[in-house]
């Protein structure tokens, strides 16, 4: 996932579905999918991008669950190609 536009597409793709769930009033589904998105999905996508850019080893991806750890890599994740 070295292309930054593809990366942004992948992280923004689930958001319309989450908005639709919130709009229709399905609060349990919205809450569950929001937690899955925030904890699991984003960790996996960000970890894959960092592994592909050789900034992190695959065994270290779990560390992105630590609050604030993703902030250490924010420049490489969001701004650098």
PDB file of N, CA and C in Angstrom:
ATOM      1  N   UNK A   1       0.830  -1.179   0.000  1.00  0.00           N
ATOM      2  CA  UNK A   1       0.000   0.000   0.000  1.00  0.00           C
ATOM      3  C   UNK A   1       0.876   1.244   0.000  1.00  0.00           C
ATOM      4  N   UNK A   2       1.704   1.333  -0.979  1.00  0.00           N
ATOM      5  CA  UNK A   2       2.635   2.463  -1.052  1.00  0.00           C
ATOM      6  C   UNK A   2       1.991   3.699  -1.682  1.00  0.00           C
ATOM      7  N   UNK A   3       0.906   3.529  -2.424  1.00  0.00           N
ATOM      8  CA  UNK A   3       0.228   4.651  -3.049  1.00  0.00           C
ATOM      9  C   UNK A   3      -0.669   5.329  -2.015  1.00  0.00           C
ATOM     10  N   UNK A   4      -0.466   6.622  -1.793  1.00  0.00           N
ATOM     11  CA  UNK A   4      -1.192   7.324  -0.742  1.00  0.00           C
ATOM     12  C   UNK A   4      -2.666   7.504  -1.088  1.00  0.00           C
ATOM     13  N   UNK A   5      -3.004   7.659  -2.360  1.00  0.00           N
ATOM     14  CA  UNK A   5      -4.414   7.796  -2.737  1.00  0.00           C
ATOM     15  C   UNK A   5      -5.175   6.496  -2.493  1.00  0.00           C
ATOM     16  N   UNK A   6      -4.565   5.362  -2.789  1.00  0.00           N
ATOM     17  CA  UNK A   6      -5.193   4.071  -2.511  1.00  0.00           C
ATOM     18  C   UNK A   6      -5.360   3.888  -1.003  1.00  0.00           C
ATOM     19  N   UNK A   7      -4.384   4.319  -0.234  1.00  0.00           N
ATOM     20  CA  UNK A   7      -4.459   4.221   1.219  1.00  0.00           C
ATOM     21  C   UNK A   7      -5.638   5.030   1.751  1.00  0.00           C
ATOM     22  N   UNK A   8      -5.787   6.266   1.284  1.00  0.00           N
ATOM     23  CA  UNK A   8      -6.919   7.085   1.713  1.00  0.00           C
ATOM     24  C   UNK A   8      -8.249   6.460   1.301  1.00  0.00           C
ATOM     25  N   UNK A   9      -8.310   5.877   0.121  1.00  0.00           N
ATOM     26  CA  UNK A   9      -9.526   5.197  -0.323  1.00  0.00           C
ATOM     27  C   UNK A   9      -9.870   4.042   0.606  1.00  0.00           C
ATOM     28  N   UNK A  10      -8.878   3.263   0.986  1.00  0.00           N
ATOM     29  CA  UNK A  10      -9.111   2.103   1.851  1.00  0.00           C
ATOM     30  C   UNK A  10      -9.570   2.535   3.246  1.00  0.00           C
ATOM     31  N   UNK A  11      -9.014   3.597   3.792  1.00  0.00           N
ATOM     32  CA  UNK A  11      -9.422   3.991   5.144  1.00  0.00           C
ATOM     33  C   UNK A  11     -10.764   4.727   5.138  1.00  0.00           C
ATOM     34  N   UNK A  12     -11.146   5.339   4.031  1.00  0.00           N
ATOM     35  CA  UNK A  12     -12.414   6.064   3.981  1.00  0.00           C
ATOM     36  C   UNK A  12     -13.573   5.224   3.443  1.00  0.00           C
ATOM     37  N   UNK A  13     -13.302   4.091   2.853  1.00  0.00           N
ATOM     38  CA  UNK A  13     -14.329   3.255   2.246  1.00  0.00           C
ATOM     39  C   UNK A  13     -15.441   2.832   3.217  1.00  0.00           C
ATOM     40  N   UNK A  14     -15.155   2.424   4.441  1.00  0.00           N
ATOM     41  CA  UNK A  14     -16.231   2.000   5.346  1.00  0.00           C
ATOM     42  C   UNK A  14     -17.061   3.147   5.934  1.00  0.00           C
ATOM     43  N   UNK A  15     -16.607   4.368   5.829  1.00  0.00           N
ATOM     44  CA  UNK A  15     -17.297   5.477   6.479  1.00  0.00           C
ATOM     45  C   UNK A  15     -18.718   5.724   5.956  1.00  0.00           C
ATOM     46  N   UNK A  16     -18.991   5.653   4.655  1.00  0.00           N
ATOM     47  CA  UNK A  16     -20.384   5.829   4.221  1.00  0.00           C
ATOM     48  C   UNK A  16     -21.329   4.786   4.816  1.00  0.00           C
ATOM     49  N   UNK A  17     -20.869   3.559   4.973  1.00  0.00           N
ATOM     50  CA  UNK A  17     -21.687   2.532   5.586  1.00  0.00           C
ATOM     51  C   UNK A  17     -21.953   2.851   7.059  1.00  0.00           C
ATOM     52  N   UNK A  18     -20.938   3.347   7.764  1.00  0.00           N
ATOM     53  CA  UNK A  18     -21.126   3.745   9.157  1.00  0.00           C
ATOM     54  C   UNK A  18     -22.099   4.913   9.274  1.00  0.00           C
ATOM     55  N   UNK A  19     -21.999   5.860   8.367  1.00  0.00           N
ATOM     56  CA  UNK A  19     -22.924   7.000   8.369  1.00  0.00           C
ATOM     57  C   UNK A  19     -24.343   6.523   8.096  1.00  0.00           C
ATOM     58  N   UNK A  20     -24.496   5.586   7.167  1.00  0.00           N
ATOM     59  CA  UNK A  20     -25.816   5.048   6.867  1.00  0.00           C
ATOM     60  C   UNK A  20     -26.416   4.346   8.082  1.00  0.00           C
ATOM     61  N   UNK A  21     -25.611   3.578   8.801  1.00  0.00           N
ATOM     62  CA  UNK A  21     -26.096   2.903  10.005  1.00  0.00           C
ATOM     63  C   UNK A  21     -26.535   3.913  11.065  1.00  0.00           C
ATOM     64  N   UNK A  22     -25.787   4.979  11.228  1.00  0.00           N
ATOM     65  CA  UNK A  22     -26.154   6.005  12.192  1.00  0.00           C
ATOM     66  C   UNK A  22     -27.430   6.719  11.753  1.00  0.00           C
ATOM     67  N   UNK A  23     -27.563   6.962  10.455  1.00  0.00           N
ATOM     68  CA  UNK A  23     -28.718   7.679   9.906  1.00  0.00           C
ATOM     69  C   UNK A  23     -30.007   6.872  10.075  1.00  0.00           C
ATOM     70  N   UNK A  24     -29.920   5.562   9.919  1.00  0.00           N
ATOM     71  CA  UNK A  24     -31.109   4.717  10.011  1.00  0.00           C
ATOM     72  C   UNK A  24     -31.464   4.357  11.446  1.00  0.00           C
ATOM     73  N   UNK A  25     -30.652   4.736  12.390  1.00  0.00           N
ATOM     74  CA  UNK A  25     -30.974   4.513  13.794  1.00  0.00           C
ATOM     75  C   UNK A  25     -30.610   3.136  14.317  1.00  0.00           C
ATOM     76  N   UNK A  26     -29.768   2.428  13.629  1.00  0.00           N
ATOM     77  CA  UNK A  26     -29.332   1.115  14.094  1.00  0.00           C
ATOM     78  C   UNK A  26     -28.110   1.293  14.997  1.00  0.00           C
ATOM     79  N   UNK A  27     -28.374   1.659  16.226  1.00  0.00           N
ATOM     80  CA  UNK A  27     -27.288   2.059  17.124  1.00  0.00           C
ATOM     81  C   UNK A  27     -26.366   0.892  17.507  1.00  0.00           C
ATOM     82  N   UNK A  28     -26.899  -0.299  17.669  1.00  0.00           N
ATOM     83  CA  UNK A  28     -26.048  -1.429  18.050  1.00  0.00           C
ATOM     84  C   UNK A  28     -25.104  -1.795  16.906  1.00  0.00           C
ATOM     85  N   UNK A  29     -25.637  -1.862  15.696  1.00  0.00           N
ATOM     86  CA  UNK A  29     -24.791  -2.151  14.536  1.00  0.00           C
ATOM     87  C   UNK A  29     -23.755  -1.073  14.315  1.00  0.00           C
ATOM     88  N   UNK A  30     -24.169   0.178  14.472  1.00  0.00           N
ATOM     89  CA  UNK A  30     -23.242   1.293  14.308  1.00  0.00           C
ATOM     90  C   UNK A  30     -22.118   1.220  15.332  1.00  0.00           C
ATOM     91  N   UNK A  31     -22.471   0.967  16.590  1.00  0.00           N
ATOM     92  CA  UNK A  31     -21.470   0.902  17.653  1.00  0.00           C
ATOM     93  C   UNK A  31     -20.481  -0.237  17.431  1.00  0.00           C
ATOM     94  N   UNK A  32     -21.010  -1.402  17.077  1.00  0.00           N
ATOM     95  CA  UNK A  32     -20.124  -2.547  16.833  1.00  0.00           C
ATOM     96  C   UNK A  32     -19.180  -2.292  15.662  1.00  0.00           C
ATOM     97  N   UNK A  33     -19.719  -1.805  14.560  1.00  0.00           N
ATOM     98  CA  UNK A  33     -18.863  -1.562  13.401  1.00  0.00           C
ATOM     99  C   UNK A  33     -17.895  -0.412  13.623  1.00  0.00           C
ATOM    100  N   UNK A  34     -18.290   0.576  14.411  1.00  0.00           N
ATOM    101  CA  UNK A  34     -17.366   1.662  14.740  1.00  0.00           C
ATOM    102  C   UNK A  34     -16.195   1.152  15.573  1.00  0.00           C
ATOM    103  N   UNK A  35     -16.466   0.275  16.520  1.00  0.00           N
ATOM    104  CA  UNK A  35     -15.385  -0.312  17.312  1.00  0.00           C
ATOM    105  C   UNK A  35     -14.478  -1.190  16.455  1.00  0.00           C
ATOM    106  N   UNK A  36     -15.077  -1.991  15.581  1.00  0.00           N
ATOM    107  CA  UNK A  36     -14.268  -2.824  14.683  1.00  0.00           C
ATOM    108  C   UNK A  36     -13.423  -1.953  13.771  1.00  0.00           C
ATOM    109  N   UNK A  37     -14.009  -0.867  13.258  1.00  0.00           N
ATOM    110  CA  UNK A  37     -13.269   0.035  12.378  1.00  0.00           C
ATOM    111  C   UNK A  37     -12.109   0.700  13.119  1.00  0.00           C
ATOM    112  N   UNK A  38     -12.400   1.217  14.297  1.00  0.00           N
ATOM    113  CA  UNK A  38     -11.382   1.983  15.028  1.00  0.00           C
ATOM    114  C   UNK A  38     -10.268   1.103  15.586  1.00  0.00           C
ATOM    115  N   UNK A  39     -10.606  -0.081  16.054  1.00  0.00           N
ATOM    116  CA  UNK A  39      -9.594  -0.907  16.713  1.00  0.00           C
ATOM    117  C   UNK A  39      -8.926  -1.892  15.760  1.00  0.00           C
ATOM    118  N   UNK A  40      -9.707  -2.624  15.012  1.00  0.00           N
ATOM    119  CA  UNK A  40      -9.138  -3.708  14.205  1.00  0.00           C
ATOM    120  C   UNK A  40      -8.784  -3.271  12.790  1.00  0.00           C
ATOM    121  N   UNK A  41      -9.746  -2.684  12.099  1.00  0.00           N
ATOM    122  CA  UNK A  41      -9.560  -2.361  10.685  1.00  0.00           C
ATOM    123  C   UNK A  41      -8.445  -1.338  10.477  1.00  0.00           C
ATOM    124  N   UNK A  42      -8.507  -0.238  11.224  1.00  0.00           N
ATOM    125  CA  UNK A  42      -7.484   0.796  11.050  1.00  0.00           C
ATOM    126  C   UNK A  42      -6.112   0.321  11.490  1.00  0.00           C
ATOM    127  N   UNK A  43      -6.058  -0.511  12.536  1.00  0.00           N
ATOM    128  CA  UNK A  43      -4.774  -1.057  12.957  1.00  0.00           C
ATOM    129  C   UNK A  43      -4.180  -1.923  11.853  1.00  0.00           C
ATOM    130  N   UNK A  44      -5.013  -2.751  11.238  1.00  0.00           N
ATOM    131  CA  UNK A  44      -4.523  -3.631  10.180  1.00  0.00           C
ATOM    132  C   UNK A  44      -4.085  -2.835   8.953  1.00  0.00           C
ATOM    133  N   UNK A  45      -4.868  -1.847   8.549  1.00  0.00           N
ATOM    134  CA  UNK A  45      -4.531  -1.059   7.359  1.00  0.00           C
ATOM    135  C   UNK A  45      -3.281  -0.220   7.606  1.00  0.00           C
ATOM    136  N   UNK A  46      -3.227   0.458   8.736  1.00  0.00           N
ATOM    137  CA  UNK A  46      -2.049   1.276   9.049  1.00  0.00           C
ATOM    138  C   UNK A  46      -0.813   0.403   9.226  1.00  0.00           C
ATOM    139  N   UNK A  47      -0.989  -0.732   9.875  1.00  0.00           N
ATOM    140  CA  UNK A  47       0.135  -1.651  10.051  1.00  0.00           C
ATOM    141  C   UNK A  47       0.656  -2.183   8.735  1.00  0.00           C
ATOM    142  N   UNK A  48      -0.258  -2.520   7.829  1.00  0.00           N
ATOM    143  CA  UNK A  48       0.149  -3.010   6.513  1.00  0.00           C
ATOM    144  C   UNK A  48       0.916  -1.935   5.742  1.00  0.00           C
ATOM    145  N   UNK A  49       0.458  -0.695   5.843  1.00  0.00           N
ATOM    146  CA  UNK A  49       1.166   0.395   5.166  1.00  0.00           C
ATOM    147  C   UNK A  49       2.573   0.581   5.750  1.00  0.00           C
ATOM    148  N   UNK A  50       2.695   0.518   7.067  1.00  0.00           N
ATOM    149  CA  UNK A  50       4.008   0.687   7.694  1.00  0.00           C
ATOM    150  C   UNK A  50       4.932  -0.483   7.390  1.00  0.00           C
ATOM    151  N   UNK A  51       4.383  -1.690   7.320  1.00  0.00           N
ATOM    152  CA  UNK A  51       5.196  -2.862   6.974  1.00  0.00           C
ATOM    153  C   UNK A  51       5.659  -2.753   5.530  1.00  0.00           C
ATOM    154  N   UNK A  52       4.779  -2.338   4.631  1.00  0.00           N
ATOM    155  CA  UNK A  52       5.158  -2.192   3.221  1.00  0.00           C
ATOM    156  C   UNK A  52       6.211  -1.105   3.017  1.00  0.00           C
ATOM    157  N   UNK A  53       6.166  -0.080   3.856  1.00  0.00           N
ATOM    158  CA  UNK A  53       7.163   0.987   3.762  1.00  0.00           C
ATOM    159  C   UNK A  53       8.430   0.654   4.549  1.00  0.00           C
ATOM    160  N   UNK A  54       8.467  -0.530   5.141  1.00  0.00           N
ATOM    161  CA  UNK A  54       9.596  -1.026   5.914  1.00  0.00           C
ATOM    162  C   UNK A  54       9.928  -0.146   7.128  1.00  0.00           C
ATOM    163  N   UNK A  55       8.884   0.418   7.742  1.00  0.00           N
ATOM    164  CA  UNK A  55       9.069   1.213   8.949  1.00  0.00           C
ATOM    165  C   UNK A  55       8.751   0.419  10.202  1.00  0.00           C
ATOM    166  N   UNK A  56       8.122  -0.738  10.010  1.00  0.00           N
ATOM    167  CA  UNK A  56       7.709  -1.574  11.126  1.00  0.00           C
ATOM    168  C   UNK A  56       7.735  -3.025  10.674  1.00  0.00           C
ATOM    169  N   UNK A  57       8.053  -3.914  11.591  1.00  0.00           N
ATOM    170  CA  UNK A  57       8.006  -5.337  11.279  1.00  0.00           C
ATOM    171  C   UNK A  57       6.585  -5.849  11.504  1.00  0.00           C
ATOM    172  N   UNK A  58       6.232  -6.930  10.813  1.00  0.00           N
ATOM    173  CA  UNK A  58       4.878  -7.479  10.919  1.00  0.00           C
ATOM    174  C   UNK A  58       4.551  -7.884  12.359  1.00  0.00           C
ATOM    175  N   UNK A  59       5.532  -8.305  13.110  1.00  0.00           N
ATOM    176  CA  UNK A  59       5.318  -8.715  14.504  1.00  0.00           C
ATOM    177  C   UNK A  59       5.024  -7.534  15.424  1.00  0.00           C
ATOM    178  N   UNK A  60       5.326  -6.318  14.980  1.00  0.00           N
ATOM    179  CA  UNK A  60       5.139  -5.126  15.809  1.00  0.00           C
ATOM    180  C   UNK A  60       3.832  -4.396  15.540  1.00  0.00           C
ATOM    181  N   UNK A  61       3.024  -4.888  14.620  1.00  0.00           N
ATOM    182  CA  UNK A  61       1.791  -4.195  14.252  1.00  0.00           C
ATOM    183  C   UNK A  61       0.839  -4.077  15.435  1.00  0.00           C
ATOM    184  N   UNK A  62       0.818  -5.031  16.324  1.00  0.00           N
ATOM    185  CA  UNK A  62      -0.080  -4.994  17.479  1.00  0.00           C
ATOM    186  C   UNK A  62       0.169  -3.763  18.346  1.00  0.00           C
ATOM    187  N   UNK A  63       1.362  -3.183  18.269  1.00  0.00           N
ATOM    188  CA  UNK A  63       1.686  -2.015  19.084  1.00  0.00           C
ATOM    189  C   UNK A  63       0.856  -0.793  18.700  1.00  0.00           C
ATOM    190  N   UNK A  64       0.234  -0.831  17.520  1.00  0.00           N
ATOM    191  CA  UNK A  64      -0.612   0.283  17.120  1.00  0.00           C
ATOM    192  C   UNK A  64      -1.883   0.367  17.957  1.00  0.00           C
ATOM    193  N   UNK A  65      -2.184  -0.663  18.724  1.00  0.00           N
ATOM    194  CA  UNK A  65      -3.324  -0.611  19.639  1.00  0.00           C
ATOM    195  C   UNK A  65      -3.047   0.275  20.857  1.00  0.00           C
ATOM    196  N   UNK A  66      -1.786   0.509  21.154  1.00  0.00           N
ATOM    197  CA  UNK A  66      -1.411   1.355  22.287  1.00  0.00           C
ATOM    198  C   UNK A  66      -1.795   2.797  21.954  1.00  0.00           C
ATOM    199  N   UNK A  67      -2.558   3.439  22.845  1.00  0.00           N
ATOM    200  CA  UNK A  67      -2.976   4.820  22.557  1.00  0.00           C
ATOM    201  C   UNK A  67      -1.774   5.735  22.321  1.00  0.00           C
ATOM    202  N   UNK A  68      -1.824   6.483  21.244  1.00  0.00           N
ATOM    203  CA  UNK A  68      -0.775   7.425  20.901  1.00  0.00           C
ATOM    204  C   UNK A  68       0.334   6.867  20.043  1.00  0.00           C
ATOM    205  N   UNK A  69       0.399   5.552  19.877  1.00  0.00           N
ATOM    206  CA  UNK A  69       1.475   4.943  19.092  1.00  0.00           C
ATOM    207  C   UNK A  69       1.338   5.269  17.611  1.00  0.00           C
ATOM    208  N   UNK A  70       0.108   5.348  17.116  1.00  0.00           N
ATOM    209  CA  UNK A  70      -0.114   5.681  15.713  1.00  0.00           C
ATOM    210  C   UNK A  70       0.343   7.114  15.422  1.00  0.00           C
ATOM    211  N   UNK A  71       0.295   7.954  16.448  1.00  0.00           N
ATOM    212  CA  UNK A  71       0.721   9.345  16.289  1.00  0.00           C
ATOM    213  C   UNK A  71       2.215   9.433  15.961  1.00  0.00           C
ATOM    214  N   UNK A  72       3.001   8.476  16.457  1.00  0.00           N
ATOM    215  CA  UNK A  72       4.443   8.467  16.172  1.00  0.00           C
ATOM    216  C   UNK A  72       4.721   8.303  14.682  1.00  0.00           C
ATOM    217  N   UNK A  73       3.816   7.645  13.979  1.00  0.00           N
ATOM    218  CA  UNK A  73       3.993   7.373  12.558  1.00  0.00           C
ATOM    219  C   UNK A  73       3.080   8.218  11.680  1.00  0.00           C
ATOM    220  N   UNK A  74       2.476   9.256  12.220  1.00  0.00           N
ATOM    221  CA  UNK A  74       1.474  10.012  11.467  1.00  0.00           C
ATOM    222  C   UNK A  74       2.040  10.650  10.198  1.00  0.00           C
ATOM    223  N   UNK A  75       3.236  11.156  10.249  1.00  0.00           N
ATOM    224  CA  UNK A  75       3.820  11.773   9.058  1.00  0.00           C
ATOM    225  C   UNK A  75       4.008  10.749   7.942  1.00  0.00           C
ATOM    226  N   UNK A  76       4.521   9.577   8.297  1.00  0.00           N
ATOM    227  CA  UNK A  76       4.740   8.531   7.281  1.00  0.00           C
ATOM    228  C   UNK A  76       3.419   7.957   6.771  1.00  0.00           C
ATOM    229  N   UNK A  77       2.412   7.875   7.646  1.00  0.00           N
ATOM    230  CA  UNK A  77       1.134   7.299   7.239  1.00  0.00           C
ATOM    231  C   UNK A  77       0.338   8.235   6.338  1.00  0.00           C
ATOM    232  N   UNK A  78       0.242   9.501   6.685  1.00  0.00           N
ATOM    233  CA  UNK A  78      -0.703  10.375   6.022  1.00  0.00           C
ATOM    234  C   UNK A  78      -0.111  11.357   5.007  1.00  0.00           C
ATOM    235  N   UNK A  79       1.173  11.627   5.082  1.00  0.00           N
ATOM    236  CA  UNK A  79       1.701  12.682   4.230  1.00  0.00           C
ATOM    237  C   UNK A  79       2.774  12.239   3.251  1.00  0.00           C
ATOM    238  N   UNK A  80       3.567  11.247   3.591  1.00  0.00           N
ATOM    239  CA  UNK A  80       4.650  10.839   2.690  1.00  0.00           C
ATOM    240  C   UNK A  80       4.186   9.741   1.765  1.00  0.00           C
ATOM    241  N   UNK A  81       4.648   9.815   0.530  1.00  0.00           N
ATOM    242  CA  UNK A  81       4.303   8.785  -0.453  1.00  0.00           C
ATOM    243  C   UNK A  81       5.123   7.600  -0.266  1.00  0.00           C
TER     244      UNK A  81
END
